[in-house]
């Protein structure tokens, strides 16, 4: 017999026998969108307008608290930064 003698035969995961919590992280989604449009003002002057949206579609949660002695153990208490909007205007001549 090898390994831990106290684990019953057929138990393949010691963490289940020892009641060790398995903390898993929530998935992280990121979908960014950028749109731009060129405007010709005159023959020499052009204006570029650009808009970007970062983290477009989903809230992303941080890792649950892994400290067993805290009352918030295995609880998600915060999120990653929220959606960000960026606008740019560039004049070319």
Protein backbone atom coordinates (compact mmCIF):
# COMPACT_ATOMS: atom_id res chain seq x y z
CA UNK A 1 0.00 0.00 0.00
CA UNK A 2 1.36 3.39 -0.93
CA UNK A 3 0.32 6.91 -0.06
CA UNK A 4 -1.86 7.78 2.94
CA UNK A 5 -3.00 4.68 4.83
CA UNK A 6 -6.07 6.45 6.26
CA UNK A 7 -7.72 7.02 2.88
CA UNK A 8 -10.20 4.34 1.97
CA UNK A 9 -9.61 2.36 -1.17
CA UNK A 10 -11.29 4.02 -4.14
CA UNK A 11 -10.95 7.57 -2.74
CA UNK A 12 -8.71 9.25 -5.26
CA UNK A 13 -8.67 12.79 -3.89
CA UNK A 14 -7.20 13.36 -0.42
CA UNK A 15 -8.73 16.85 -0.37
CA UNK A 16 -12.23 15.33 -0.28
CA UNK A 17 -11.32 13.04 2.62
CA UNK A 18 -9.61 15.81 4.57
CA UNK A 19 -12.46 18.29 3.82
CA UNK A 20 -10.10 20.83 2.30
CA UNK A 21 -12.00 23.59 0.51
CA UNK A 22 -11.41 23.88 -3.19
CA UNK A 23 -11.60 27.55 -4.14
CA UNK A 24 -12.18 28.13 -7.81
CA UNK A 25 -11.92 31.44 -9.57
CA UNK A 26 -14.75 32.85 -11.66
CA UNK A 27 -14.08 33.15 -15.39
CA UNK A 28 -12.72 36.43 -16.75
CA UNK A 29 -14.45 37.74 -19.88
CA UNK A 30 -13.18 40.61 -21.95
CA UNK A 31 -14.71 41.95 -25.13
CA UNK A 32 -13.47 45.31 -26.39
CA UNK A 33 -14.98 47.42 -29.14
CA UNK A 34 -13.40 50.25 -31.11
CA UNK A 35 -15.07 52.38 -33.77
CA UNK A 36 -13.49 55.17 -35.81
CA UNK A 37 -14.64 57.56 -38.52
CA UNK A 38 -12.62 59.88 -40.76
CA UNK A 39 -14.11 63.23 -41.76
CA UNK A 40 -12.62 65.30 -44.59
CA UNK A 41 -13.12 68.97 -43.66
CA UNK A 42 -11.17 70.45 -46.57
CA UNK A 43 -8.58 69.09 -48.94
CA UNK A 44 -5.85 69.61 -46.33
CA UNK A 45 -7.74 69.14 -43.07
CA UNK A 46 -9.07 65.83 -41.81
CA UNK A 47 -10.56 64.89 -38.48
CA UNK A 48 -10.48 61.38 -37.02
CA UNK A 49 -13.02 60.51 -34.32
CA UNK A 50 -12.41 57.30 -32.36
CA UNK A 51 -14.47 55.65 -29.63
CA UNK A 52 -13.46 52.61 -27.58
CA UNK A 53 -15.38 50.56 -25.04
CA UNK A 54 -13.30 48.26 -22.80
CA UNK A 55 -14.84 45.26 -21.02
CA UNK A 56 -17.98 45.65 -23.05
CA UNK A 57 -20.34 42.92 -22.01
CA UNK A 58 -19.70 41.44 -18.58
CA UNK A 59 -18.78 42.22 -14.97
CA UNK A 60 -15.66 40.35 -13.88
CA UNK A 61 -15.42 39.21 -10.28
CA UNK A 62 -12.20 38.80 -8.29
CA UNK A 63 -11.05 35.63 -6.57
CA UNK A 64 -13.06 34.54 -3.51
CA UNK A 65 -11.50 35.07 -0.08
CA UNK A 66 -9.21 32.11 0.61
CA UNK A 67 -8.56 32.75 4.32
CA UNK A 68 -10.41 30.05 6.26
CA UNK A 69 -10.44 32.10 9.47
CA UNK A 70 -12.37 35.02 7.89
CA UNK A 71 -16.14 35.20 7.94
CA UNK A 72 -15.99 36.02 4.23
CA UNK A 73 -14.25 32.74 3.36
CA UNK A 74 -15.11 31.61 -0.18
CA UNK A 75 -17.12 34.80 -0.79
CA UNK A 76 -16.47 37.16 -3.69
CA UNK A 77 -16.26 40.67 -2.22
CA UNK A 78 -15.15 42.80 -5.18
CA UNK A 79 -14.94 43.11 -8.95
CA UNK A 80 -12.30 44.13 -11.44
CA UNK A 81 -12.53 47.69 -12.81
CA UNK A 82 -15.82 48.42 -14.60
CA UNK A 83 -16.41 49.29 -18.22
CA UNK A 84 -14.30 52.12 -19.56
CA UNK A 85 -15.20 54.46 -22.39
CA UNK A 86 -12.55 56.37 -24.34
CA UNK A 87 -13.07 59.05 -26.96
CA UNK A 88 -10.40 60.65 -29.17
CA UNK A 89 -10.45 63.42 -31.72
CA UNK A 90 -7.41 63.89 -33.97
CA UNK A 91 -6.99 66.76 -36.41
CA UNK A 92 -4.63 66.15 -39.33
CA UNK A 93 -3.34 68.90 -41.61
